[in-house]
Amino acid sequence: MSRFLSLTLVLLFTVHSLNAQGEDQIIIGSKQVIHSDVLDEDREYWISLPESYDQEGSSHKHYPLLIVLDGRVHFRSITGMVNYMSAGYNRNRRIPEMIVVAIQNVSRTRDFTPDKIVTRRKNDFGGGDNFLSFLETELIPDLDSKFRTIPYRILFGHSLGGLLATHAYMKAETLFNAFIAVDPSFGSWDAGTMDKKLDAVTDQSFERFIYMATANWGKRNIRNRNRHVRLYESLNSKSVGEFPAKLEYFENENHGSVPPIAFYHGISAIFDGYGISDRDVESKASLVQHFQSISERLSYSFNPPEPLVNSVGYRKLRSRNEEERSQALEFFKLNTENYPDSYNAFDSLGEAYEALGEKTKAIDSYQKSLELNPGNQHASIRIAGLKK
């Protein structure tokens, strides 16, 4: 069971109204609290919903889930990047819109270390699997019940968080589909320990995507960096087919500076090809095949984004070439097939039929749009005009 705090997280600046009568807040997320029976404590997380989440006509949309460890440190930078890369600014939709959930720390040494380590001083290492159980059996089901999610989940972790993300990737069973491990701290994974972990890796790991970033902090980090390379190359050799992963070294970044740039590179690597331009789409078949390839690589079905398909359809509909104009219908129909609860998809299909002189089919499409959204005035006006 969970309980929510009605606290609002706001950006650290405000926008002044032109008449200087007050201030409008820019809200990027909210604070929530869930009680964990697994951990026997309350856990706070910050959540940011996509811009489109509450927009008119978006109730049919469902979103991937991005879980961010060390949430207080990374929430603002990651939510900003996710929003810019997915919301369509400057025609930029490099990744899908997603729900970002940043977990606040209680004891990161306890929660992010999968192995119990004996040290001179008493420590709380070794609670990593317990923390993953909290994420997978309590937090994610709770989020799925409260928000419009799809079962595609990404885990982001830096340093010890990167260690936990790598550990979760190598487990036989996990709810996560992709992992971004930024400069993971492999100090406890000597050659013997790493070999045991590699021997236990199953084929299920290679159905997931992992991005690993390693930073340059001089001589102090050579051993850790070598372990990154060793793990990556060992996993690559164990993968029967193409290894769905990427390892990247950042010469000009250190352990503290690397997370933002590594996240950008990592999320781009996961969704490589997702941001295809509408001008690069030659046919419906090529577009469908393009996203089938992405889906196969990520072991999850991603349809061509509705805004992308709409853009291709309208571009072809405006063409002076009659063959291209007729091809427009294929794209608008594709959106109604992939997004049958989208009133806008049927409204656009109606416009295409109308432009091509098929009045009866245009009316049928507009009427379907009205069924999905009775407030769609455009469809009402077009139906009345066509019936005249």
Protein backbone atom coordinates (compact mmCIF):
# COMPACT_ATOMS: atom_id res chain seq x y z
CA MET A 1 0.00 0.00 0.00
CA SER A 2 1.17 3.53 -0.65
CA ARG A 3 0.35 6.95 0.66
CA PHE A 4 0.95 10.16 -1.20
CA LEU A 5 2.20 13.50 0.00
CA SER A 6 0.55 16.45 -1.73
CA LEU A 7 3.82 18.31 -2.00
CA THR A 8 4.82 20.09 -5.16
CA LEU A 9 8.33 20.19 -6.52
CA VAL A 10 8.99 23.37 -8.45
CA LEU A 11 11.88 24.59 -10.53
CA LEU A 12 14.28 26.89 -8.76
CA PHE A 13 13.13 29.89 -10.70
CA THR A 14 9.84 31.57 -11.54
CA VAL A 15 8.50 33.40 -14.52
CA HIS A 16 7.29 36.92 -13.82
CA SER A 17 4.07 37.97 -15.51
CA LEU A 18 4.29 40.90 -17.86
CA ASN A 19 2.24 43.13 -15.61
CA ALA A 20 4.33 42.18 -12.57
CA GLN A 21 1.16 41.38 -10.64
CA GLY A 22 2.38 37.95 -9.51
CA GLU A 23 4.49 34.93 -10.23
CA ASP A 24 3.64 31.77 -12.14
CA GLN A 25 5.35 28.57 -11.08
CA ILE A 26 6.93 26.18 -13.56
CA ILE A 27 6.16 22.75 -12.14
CA ILE A 28 8.35 19.86 -13.24
CA GLY A 29 7.09 17.17 -10.90
CA SER A 30 5.72 16.17 -7.52
CA LYS A 31 6.95 14.42 -4.40
CA GLN A 32 5.33 11.13 -3.46
CA VAL A 33 5.83 8.65 -0.64
CA ILE A 34 5.26 4.90 -0.67
CA HIS A 35 5.55 2.61 2.32
CA SER A 36 7.71 -0.42 1.63
CA ASP A 37 7.02 -3.63 3.48
CA VAL A 38 10.13 -5.13 1.90
CA LEU A 39 12.38 -2.40 3.32
CA ASP A 40 10.19 -1.72 6.35
CA GLU A 41 10.29 2.03 5.80
CA ASP A 42 8.72 4.90 3.90
CA ARG A 43 10.44 5.79 0.63
CA GLU A 44 10.13 9.13 -1.11
CA TYR A 45 10.28 9.53 -4.87
CA TRP A 46 9.87 12.44 -7.25
CA ILE A 47 7.84 11.93 -10.40
CA SER A 48 7.63 13.93 -13.62
CA LEU A 49 4.90 13.25 -16.18
CA PRO A 50 5.27 13.98 -19.91
CA GLU A 51 3.93 17.26 -21.26
CA SER A 52 1.26 15.45 -23.22
CA TYR A 53 0.01 13.43 -20.25
CA ASP A 54 -2.96 15.68 -19.42
CA GLN A 55 -3.43 17.32 -22.81
CA GLU A 56 -6.71 17.00 -24.66
CA GLY A 57 -6.76 13.91 -26.83
CA SER A 58 -3.89 12.21 -25.01
CA SER A 59 -5.82 9.94 -22.68
CA HIS A 60 -5.03 7.00 -24.99
CA LYS A 61 -1.28 7.48 -24.57
CA HIS A 62 0.79 5.20 -22.35
CA TYR A 63 4.45 5.79 -21.53
CA PRO A 64 7.69 3.93 -20.71
CA LEU A 65 8.98 4.22 -17.17
CA LEU A 66 12.42 5.61 -16.34
CA ILE A 67 13.62 4.86 -12.79
CA VAL A 68 16.46 7.15 -11.64
CA LEU A 69 18.66 6.24 -8.66
CA ASP A 70 20.21 9.01 -6.53
CA GLY A 71 17.11 10.95 -7.44
CA ARG A 72 17.86 14.24 -5.72
CA VAL A 73 21.08 14.61 -7.69
CA HIS A 74 19.81 13.67 -11.15
CA PHE A 75 16.09 14.49 -11.26
CA ARG A 76 16.26 18.02 -12.65
CA SER A 77 18.83 17.37 -15.35
CA ILE A 78 17.29 14.11 -16.54
CA THR A 79 13.68 15.35 -16.62
CA GLY A 80 14.82 18.35 -18.65
CA MET A 81 16.65 16.19 -21.17
CA VAL A 82 13.82 13.66 -21.46
CA ASN A 83 11.33 16.46 -22.04
CA TYR A 84 13.44 18.17 -24.69
CA MET A 85 14.31 14.95 -26.48
CA SER A 86 10.72 13.68 -26.62
CA ALA A 87 8.22 16.54 -26.62
CA GLY A 88 8.78 17.56 -30.25
CA TYR A 89 10.48 20.92 -29.81
CA ASN A 90 12.28 21.85 -33.04
CA ARG A 91 10.75 18.67 -34.53
CA ASN A 92 12.97 16.72 -32.14
CA ARG A 93 11.50 13.40 -31.01
CA ARG A 94 14.67 11.40 -30.49
CA ILE A 95 13.09 9.21 -27.80
CA PRO A 96 9.55 8.39 -26.66
CA GLU A 97 7.94 10.54 -24.01
CA MET A 98 8.32 8.81 -20.68
CA ILE A 99 7.43 9.00 -17.00
CA VAL A 100 10.51 9.81 -14.90
CA VAL A 101 10.63 8.53 -11.31
CA ALA A 102 13.60 9.54 -9.13
CA ILE A 103 14.14 7.56 -5.93
CA GLN A 104 15.45 9.48 -2.93
CA ASN A 105 18.19 7.87 -0.86
CA VAL A 106 18.01 6.46 2.64
CA SER A 107 21.27 4.48 2.61
CA ARG A 108 22.84 4.17 -0.80
CA THR A 109 25.62 1.88 0.51
CA ARG A 110 22.95 -0.51 1.74
CA ASP A 111 20.58 -0.27 -1.23
CA PHE A 112 23.01 -0.12 -4.16
CA THR A 113 25.51 -2.86 -3.18
CA PRO A 114 24.49 -6.39 -4.19
CA ASP A 115 27.25 -8.14 -2.20
CA LYS A 116 27.99 -8.25 1.51
CA ILE A 117 31.57 -7.10 2.09
CA VAL A 118 33.58 -7.55 5.29
CA THR A 119 35.48 -4.39 6.25
CA ARG A 120 37.30 -3.22 9.36
CA ARG A 121 34.42 -1.00 10.29
CA LYS A 122 30.86 -2.22 10.51
CA ASN A 123 28.94 -1.55 7.29
CA ASP A 124 25.47 -2.05 5.85
CA PHE A 125 26.57 -3.34 2.42
CA GLY A 126 24.67 -6.07 0.61
CA GLY A 127 21.06 -4.87 0.39
CA GLY A 128 20.96 -4.48 -3.39
CA ASP A 129 18.66 -7.42 -4.11
CA ASN A 130 16.32 -6.32 -1.33
CA PHE A 131 16.13 -2.83 -2.84
CA LEU A 132 15.48 -4.26 -6.32
CA SER A 133 12.67 -6.32 -4.78
CA PHE A 134 11.16 -3.09 -3.45
CA LEU A 135 11.36 -1.53 -6.93
CA GLU A 136 9.91 -4.54 -8.73
CA THR A 137 7.30 -5.88 -6.32
CA GLU A 138 6.09 -2.65 -4.71
CA LEU A 139 7.02 0.57 -6.49
CA ILE A 140 6.56 -0.42 -10.15
CA PRO A 141 3.19 -2.17 -9.57
CA ASP A 142 2.03 0.89 -7.63
CA LEU A 143 3.09 3.20 -10.46
CA ASP A 144 1.42 0.94 -13.03
CA SER A 145 -1.84 1.13 -11.10
CA LYS A 146 -1.80 4.94 -10.81
CA PHE A 147 -0.32 6.12 -14.10
CA ARG A 148 -0.63 5.23 -17.78
CA THR A 149 2.54 3.17 -18.15
CA ILE A 150 3.66 0.53 -20.61
CA PRO A 151 5.78 -2.43 -19.43
CA TYR A 152 9.01 -1.00 -20.82
CA ARG A 153 11.22 0.14 -17.96
CA ILE A 154 14.68 1.69 -17.88
CA LEU A 155 16.95 1.80 -14.82
CA PHE A 156 19.52 4.62 -14.56
CA GLY A 157 22.29 4.52 -11.99
CA HIS A 158 25.60 6.32 -11.43
CA SER A 159 28.58 5.12 -9.38
CA LEU A 160 27.15 2.66 -6.82
CA GLY A 161 23.82 3.13 -8.60
CA GLY A 162 25.59 2.01 -11.78
CA LEU A 163 26.82 -1.06 -9.92
CA LEU A 164 23.24 -1.92 -8.97
CA ALA A 165 22.00 -1.30 -12.53
CA THR A 166 24.68 -3.66 -13.88
CA HIS A 167 23.79 -6.27 -11.27
CA ALA A 168 20.10 -6.05 -12.18
CA TYR A 169 20.96 -6.45 -15.87
CA MET A 170 22.87 -9.67 -15.12
CA LYS A 171 20.08 -11.24 -13.08
CA ALA A 172 18.03 -14.03 -14.65
CA GLU A 173 14.75 -12.27 -13.88
CA THR A 174 14.00 -8.55 -13.75
CA LEU A 175 11.16 -6.20 -14.70
CA PHE A 176 13.61 -3.80 -16.33
CA ASN A 177 14.16 -3.85 -20.09
CA ALA A 178 17.12 -1.47 -20.41
CA PHE A 179 19.88 -0.12 -18.20
CA ILE A 180 22.12 2.95 -18.14
CA ALA A 181 25.11 2.30 -15.87
CA VAL A 182 27.25 5.43 -15.57
CA ASP A 183 30.82 4.94 -14.34
CA PRO A 184 29.71 2.02 -12.16
CA SER A 185 31.80 1.41 -9.04
CA PHE A 186 33.17 -2.12 -9.49
CA GLY A 187 35.59 -1.89 -6.56
CA SER A 188 34.17 -5.04 -4.96
CA TRP A 189 34.20 -7.03 -8.22
CA ASP A 190 37.68 -8.48 -8.49
CA ALA A 191 38.48 -10.97 -11.24
CA GLY A 192 37.19 -13.97 -9.29
CA THR A 193 33.94 -12.29 -8.29
CA MET A 194 33.32 -11.02 -11.81
CA ASP A 195 33.96 -14.45 -13.30
CA LYS A 196 31.38 -16.02 -10.97
CA LYS A 197 28.83 -13.39 -11.96
CA LEU A 198 29.56 -13.85 -15.66
CA ASP A 199 29.21 -17.63 -15.34
CA ALA A 200 25.73 -17.11 -13.88
CA VAL A 201 24.51 -14.86 -16.71
CA THR A 202 21.64 -16.40 -18.69
CA ASP A 203 20.33 -15.69 -22.19
CA GLN A 204 17.62 -13.46 -20.68
CA SER A 205 20.19 -10.72 -20.09
CA PHE A 206 20.85 -10.48 -23.81
CA GLU A 207 17.19 -9.67 -24.44
CA ARG A 208 17.83 -6.39 -22.60
CA PHE A 209 19.87 -3.36 -23.59
CA ILE A 210 22.69 -2.04 -21.44
CA TYR A 211 24.65 1.18 -21.91
CA MET A 212 27.82 1.64 -19.87
CA ALA A 213 29.75 4.88 -19.56
CA THR A 214 33.23 5.15 -18.12
CA ALA A 215 34.88 8.42 -17.16
CA ASN A 216 38.47 9.63 -16.95
CA TRP A 217 39.66 10.40 -13.46
CA GLY A 218 43.29 9.76 -14.08
CA LYS A 219 45.36 7.08 -12.40
CA ARG A 220 42.87 6.66 -9.57
CA ASN A 221 40.31 5.00 -11.83
CA ILE A 222 42.38 2.83 -14.15
CA ARG A 223 41.48 -0.38 -12.32
CA ASN A 224 37.75 0.43 -12.26
CA ARG A 225 37.83 1.42 -15.95
CA ASN A 226 39.59 -1.83 -16.84
CA ARG A 227 36.85 -3.74 -15.07
CA HIS A 228 34.22 -1.93 -17.16
CA VAL A 229 35.99 -3.02 -20.34
CA ARG A 230 36.51 -6.57 -19.08
CA LEU A 231 32.84 -6.99 -18.15
CA TYR A 232 31.63 -5.54 -21.42
CA GLU A 233 33.93 -7.67 -23.57
CA SER A 234 33.08 -10.80 -21.59
CA LEU A 235 29.35 -10.21 -22.01
CA ASN A 236 29.87 -9.54 -25.70
CA SER A 237 31.66 -12.86 -26.10
CA LYS A 238 28.84 -14.71 -24.32
CA SER A 239 26.12 -13.15 -26.48
CA VAL A 240 25.12 -15.57 -29.23
CA GLY A 241 23.75 -12.91 -31.58
CA GLU A 242 24.43 -9.20 -31.83
CA PHE A 243 25.11 -7.83 -28.35
CA PRO A 244 22.46 -5.14 -27.61
CA ALA A 245 24.78 -2.86 -25.68
CA LYS A 246 27.22 0.00 -25.89
CA LEU A 247 30.30 1.00 -23.87
CA GLU A 248 31.53 4.58 -24.14
CA TYR A 249 34.58 6.28 -22.66
CA PHE A 250 34.52 10.01 -21.87
CA GLU A 251 38.07 11.32 -21.94
CA ASN A 252 37.11 14.87 -20.89
CA GLU A 253 34.70 13.95 -18.07
CA ASN A 254 35.38 12.81 -14.53
CA HIS A 255 33.29 10.70 -12.16
CA GLY A 256 31.26 13.68 -10.99
CA SER A 257 30.72 15.43 -14.31
CA VAL A 258 29.88 12.46 -16.53
CA PRO A 259 26.24 11.61 -15.56
CA PRO A 260 24.33 14.21 -17.65
CA ILE A 261 26.26 13.67 -20.87
CA ALA A 262 26.30 9.90 -20.32
CA PHE A 263 22.53 9.87 -19.82
CA TYR A 264 22.05 11.72 -23.11
CA HIS A 265 24.30 9.29 -24.94
CA GLY A 266 22.78 6.29 -23.16
CA ILE A 267 19.12 7.07 -23.79
CA SER A 268 20.01 7.93 -27.40
CA ALA A 269 21.76 4.56 -27.79
CA ILE A 270 18.76 2.68 -26.43
CA PHE A 271 16.37 4.40 -28.83
CA ASP A 272 18.76 4.66 -31.76
CA GLY A 273 16.69 5.31 -34.90
CA TYR A 274 13.52 6.27 -33.03
CA GLY A 275 13.90 9.94 -34.03
CA ILE A 276 13.80 9.32 -37.78
CA SER A 277 12.75 12.44 -39.72
CA ASP A 278 9.48 12.40 -41.65
CA ARG A 279 11.48 13.49 -44.71
CA ASP A 280 13.49 10.26 -44.55
CA VAL A 281 10.39 8.06 -44.72
CA GLU A 282 9.97 6.71 -48.24
CA SER A 283 7.03 4.36 -47.80
CA LYS A 284 4.73 2.83 -45.22
CA ALA A 285 6.51 -0.52 -45.59
CA SER A 286 9.95 1.00 -44.97
CA LEU A 287 8.67 2.88 -41.90
CA VAL A 288 7.05 -0.23 -40.43
CA GLN A 289 10.23 -2.23 -41.06
CA HIS A 290 12.34 0.52 -39.46
CA PHE A 291 10.39 0.29 -36.19
CA GLN A 292 10.26 -3.49 -36.33
CA SER A 293 14.06 -3.44 -36.31
CA ILE A 294 14.06 -1.15 -33.26
CA SER A 295 11.51 -3.41 -31.55
CA GLU A 296 13.58 -6.53 -32.22
CA ARG A 297 16.70 -4.88 -30.82
CA LEU A 298 14.87 -3.77 -27.66
CA SER A 299 12.72 -6.93 -27.32
CA TYR A 300 9.63 -4.76 -27.06
CA SER A 301 7.14 -3.61 -29.69
CA PHE A 302 7.38 0.12 -30.46
CA ASN A 303 4.97 1.44 -33.10
CA PRO A 304 5.92 4.39 -35.32
CA PRO A 305 5.05 7.51 -33.25
CA GLU A 306 1.68 9.04 -34.05
CA PRO A 307 3.05 12.59 -34.68
CA LEU A 308 5.70 11.23 -37.06
CA VAL A 309 3.19 9.27 -39.12
CA ASN A 310 0.84 12.26 -39.20
CA SER A 311 3.65 14.48 -40.51
CA VAL A 312 4.48 12.02 -43.27
CA GLY A 313 0.81 11.75 -44.22
CA TYR A 314 0.26 15.51 -44.49
CA ARG A 315 3.52 15.97 -46.41
CA LYS A 316 2.38 13.48 -49.01
CA LEU A 317 -1.14 14.89 -49.04
CA ARG A 318 0.27 18.31 -50.00
CA SER A 319 2.31 16.84 -52.86
CA ARG A 320 1.53 17.73 -56.47
CA ASN A 321 2.29 14.13 -57.38
CA GLU A 322 -0.98 12.17 -57.49
CA GLU A 323 0.71 8.90 -56.59
CA GLU A 324 2.20 10.48 -53.46
CA ARG A 325 -1.15 12.02 -52.55
CA SER A 326 -2.80 8.61 -52.71
CA GLN A 327 0.00 7.18 -50.52
CA ALA A 328 -1.00 9.62 -47.78
CA LEU A 329 -4.00 7.44 -46.95
CA GLU A 330 -1.71 4.53 -46.05
CA PHE A 331 -0.07 6.57 -43.31
CA PHE A 332 -3.27 8.01 -41.84
CA LYS A 333 -4.78 4.51 -41.82
CA LEU A 334 -1.64 3.22 -40.09
CA ASN A 335 -2.20 5.66 -37.23
CA THR A 336 -5.82 4.54 -36.77
CA GLU A 337 -4.63 0.93 -36.65
CA ASN A 338 -1.84 1.59 -34.15
CA TYR A 339 -3.76 4.18 -32.10
CA PRO A 340 -7.44 3.17 -32.36
CA ASP A 341 -8.40 5.36 -29.37
CA SER A 342 -6.90 8.55 -30.84
CA TYR A 343 -9.57 10.97 -32.03
CA ASN A 344 -6.92 12.98 -33.85
CA ALA A 345 -5.86 9.96 -35.93
CA PHE A 346 -9.41 9.57 -37.27
CA ASP A 347 -9.79 13.33 -37.72
CA SER A 348 -6.66 13.37 -39.90
CA LEU A 349 -7.88 10.35 -41.85
CA GLY A 350 -11.12 12.23 -42.48
CA GLU A 351 -9.16 15.20 -43.86
CA ALA A 352 -7.24 12.90 -46.17
CA TYR A 353 -10.39 11.26 -47.52
CA GLU A 354 -11.97 14.69 -47.96
CA ALA A 355 -8.95 16.03 -49.85
CA LEU A 356 -9.03 13.02 -52.15
CA GLY A 357 -12.75 13.43 -52.85
CA GLU A 358 -14.03 10.41 -50.91
CA LYS A 359 -16.81 12.19 -49.01
CA THR A 360 -18.58 9.16 -47.53
CA LYS A 361 -15.39 7.74 -46.07
CA ALA A 362 -14.44 11.21 -44.81
CA ILE A 363 -17.75 11.52 -42.96
CA ASP A 364 -17.30 8.03 -41.45
CA SER A 365 -13.83 8.93 -40.21
CA TYR A 366 -14.98 12.26 -38.75
CA GLN A 367 -17.86 10.50 -37.01
CA LYS A 368 -15.46 7.98 -35.46
CA SER A 369 -13.35 10.90 -34.27
CA LEU A 370 -16.44 12.46 -32.69
CA GLU A 371 -17.26 9.20 -30.91
CA LEU A 372 -13.83 9.29 -29.33
CA ASN A 373 -14.03 13.02 -28.55
CA PRO A 374 -17.52 14.56 -28.69
CA GLY A 375 -15.91 17.98 -28.23
CA ASN A 376 -14.02 17.83 -31.53
CA GLN A 377 -15.55 20.87 -33.21
CA HIS A 378 -13.43 20.47 -36.34
CA ALA A 379 -15.01 17.09 -37.07
CA SER A 380 -18.52 18.45 -36.43
CA ILE A 381 -17.97 21.36 -38.83
CA ARG A 382 -16.51 19.13 -41.54
CA ILE A 383 -19.38 16.63 -41.30
CA ALA A 384 -21.94 19.41 -41.62
CA GLY A 385 -20.10 20.87 -44.62
CA LEU A 386 -19.78 17.52 -46.38
CA LYS A 387 -23.45 16.66 -45.89
CA LYS A 388 -24.47 19.91 -47.54
